[in-house]
Each structure stands twice: as structure tokens, then as C-alpha cells.
Amino acid sequence: PTAVAFPLFYRGVRGLGPARAATMMFLVPVFGLGLAFALLGETVTVVQAIGSAAMLAGAWLSVTERPTKTTPDSGLQLLRSV
């Protein structure tokens, strides 16, 4: 599994950039939990489900781009304050 995982991760680094790809490492426990449930018949507790949802939400928020509000004279304000 590691022989497949690392090349895929490095491909993600090339495509997404290091900051976005690093956040995907936080999804490893979520996939581990899902595979343990699907393949081994493990039970998923409420705490694990909430934690997985929080990790998925955090990863999604970190990789989605949000529009930034800029004003035309924002650079001038910075110069005036110096």
C-alpha cells in the first residue's frame, strides 16, 4: 500500500502544491476508519463519526478557494500608515 500511496501523494504535491497536498494527510485516519468498517466489520462510534466529519470539513475548507475582498486603494492605505 505504501508503494502506491507515496507516488500518489507526490503527484498531488505537484498538482495541488505542498500546502494543499499536506492537508490531505489528515484524511488518512478517515480512510483507515472507512476501510476497517468495510473490510473488517469494525463498528464506528459516534465520536469517530464526528471526528471524521470534522476532519473532512477541515480538509475541504483548506483546499477550497474563497473570494477575497480587495479595495482599489488598499496598497495606498498601507503606505500611509508607515
Protein backbone atom coordinates (compact mmCIF):
# COMPACT_ATOMS: atom_id res chain seq x y z
CA PRO A 1 0.00 0.00 0.00
CA THR A 2 2.81 2.44 0.79
CA ALA A 3 4.39 1.86 -2.61
CA VAL A 4 1.18 3.17 -4.17
CA ALA A 5 0.39 5.86 -1.60
CA PHE A 6 3.62 7.85 -1.79
CA PRO A 7 3.68 8.26 -5.59
CA LEU A 8 0.05 9.38 -5.47
CA PHE A 9 0.87 11.85 -2.70
CA TYR A 10 3.81 13.30 -4.63
CA ARG A 11 1.62 13.59 -7.69
CA GLY A 12 -0.83 15.55 -5.56
CA VAL A 13 2.01 17.79 -4.36
CA ARG A 14 2.89 18.57 -7.96
CA GLY A 15 -0.73 19.23 -8.93
CA LEU A 16 -2.08 20.99 -5.85
CA GLY A 17 1.02 22.44 -4.25
CA PRO A 18 2.58 21.41 -0.96
CA ALA A 19 0.20 23.26 1.38
CA ARG A 20 -2.95 21.78 -0.10
CA ALA A 21 -1.50 18.30 -0.51
CA ALA A 22 -0.30 18.25 3.10
CA THR A 23 -3.85 18.77 4.33
CA MET A 24 -4.83 15.55 2.60
CA MET A 25 -2.59 13.67 5.03
CA PHE A 26 -5.19 14.48 7.70
CA LEU A 27 -7.61 12.22 5.80
CA VAL A 28 -5.55 9.07 6.44
CA PRO A 29 -7.41 8.22 9.69
CA VAL A 30 -10.75 8.78 7.97
CA PHE A 31 -9.86 6.33 5.21
CA GLY A 32 -8.48 3.90 7.78
CA LEU A 33 -11.75 4.03 9.67
CA GLY A 34 -13.76 3.54 6.49
CA LEU A 35 -11.66 0.59 5.36
CA ALA A 36 -11.81 -1.02 8.81
CA PHE A 37 -15.58 -0.67 8.73
CA ALA A 38 -15.94 -2.00 5.18
CA LEU A 39 -13.36 -4.78 5.20
CA LEU A 40 -13.09 -5.88 8.82
CA GLY A 41 -16.59 -5.22 10.10
CA GLU A 42 -15.42 -2.79 12.79
CA THR A 43 -18.04 -0.64 14.45
CA VAL A 44 -17.93 3.13 14.09
CA THR A 45 -18.69 5.05 17.26
CA VAL A 46 -20.38 8.43 17.41
CA VAL A 47 -17.13 10.09 18.46
CA GLN A 48 -15.30 8.56 15.49
CA ALA A 49 -18.03 9.69 13.10
CA ILE A 50 -17.97 13.25 14.46
CA GLY A 51 -14.18 13.33 14.32
CA SER A 52 -14.20 12.06 10.74
CA ALA A 53 -16.77 14.66 9.73
CA ALA A 54 -14.68 17.40 11.34
CA MET A 55 -11.55 16.21 9.54
CA LEU A 56 -13.36 16.06 6.19
CA ALA A 57 -14.80 19.54 6.72
CA GLY A 58 -11.41 20.94 7.69
CA ALA A 59 -9.71 19.40 4.67
CA TRP A 60 -12.45 20.70 2.38
CA LEU A 61 -12.23 24.21 3.83
CA SER A 62 -8.47 24.27 3.48
CA VAL A 63 -8.42 23.33 -0.20
CA THR A 64 -11.36 25.40 -1.47
CA GLU A 65 -10.63 28.91 -2.61
CA ARG A 66 -12.72 31.66 -1.14
CA PRO A 67 -13.01 35.02 -2.84
CA THR A 68 -11.09 37.80 -1.16
CA LYS A 69 -12.36 41.30 -0.87
CA THR A 70 -9.89 43.90 -2.02
CA THR A 71 -10.29 47.61 -2.27
CA PRO A 72 -8.64 49.60 -5.03
CA ASP A 73 -6.67 51.76 -2.59
CA SER A 74 -5.65 49.04 -0.10
CA GLY A 75 -1.98 49.44 -1.06
CA LEU A 76 -2.15 53.17 -0.52
CA GLN A 77 -3.51 52.70 2.98
CA LEU A 78 -0.52 50.52 3.81
CA LEU A 79 1.90 53.16 2.57
CA ARG A 80 0.15 55.92 4.52
CA SER A 81 0.40 54.01 7.80
CA VAL A 82 4.20 53.66 7.54
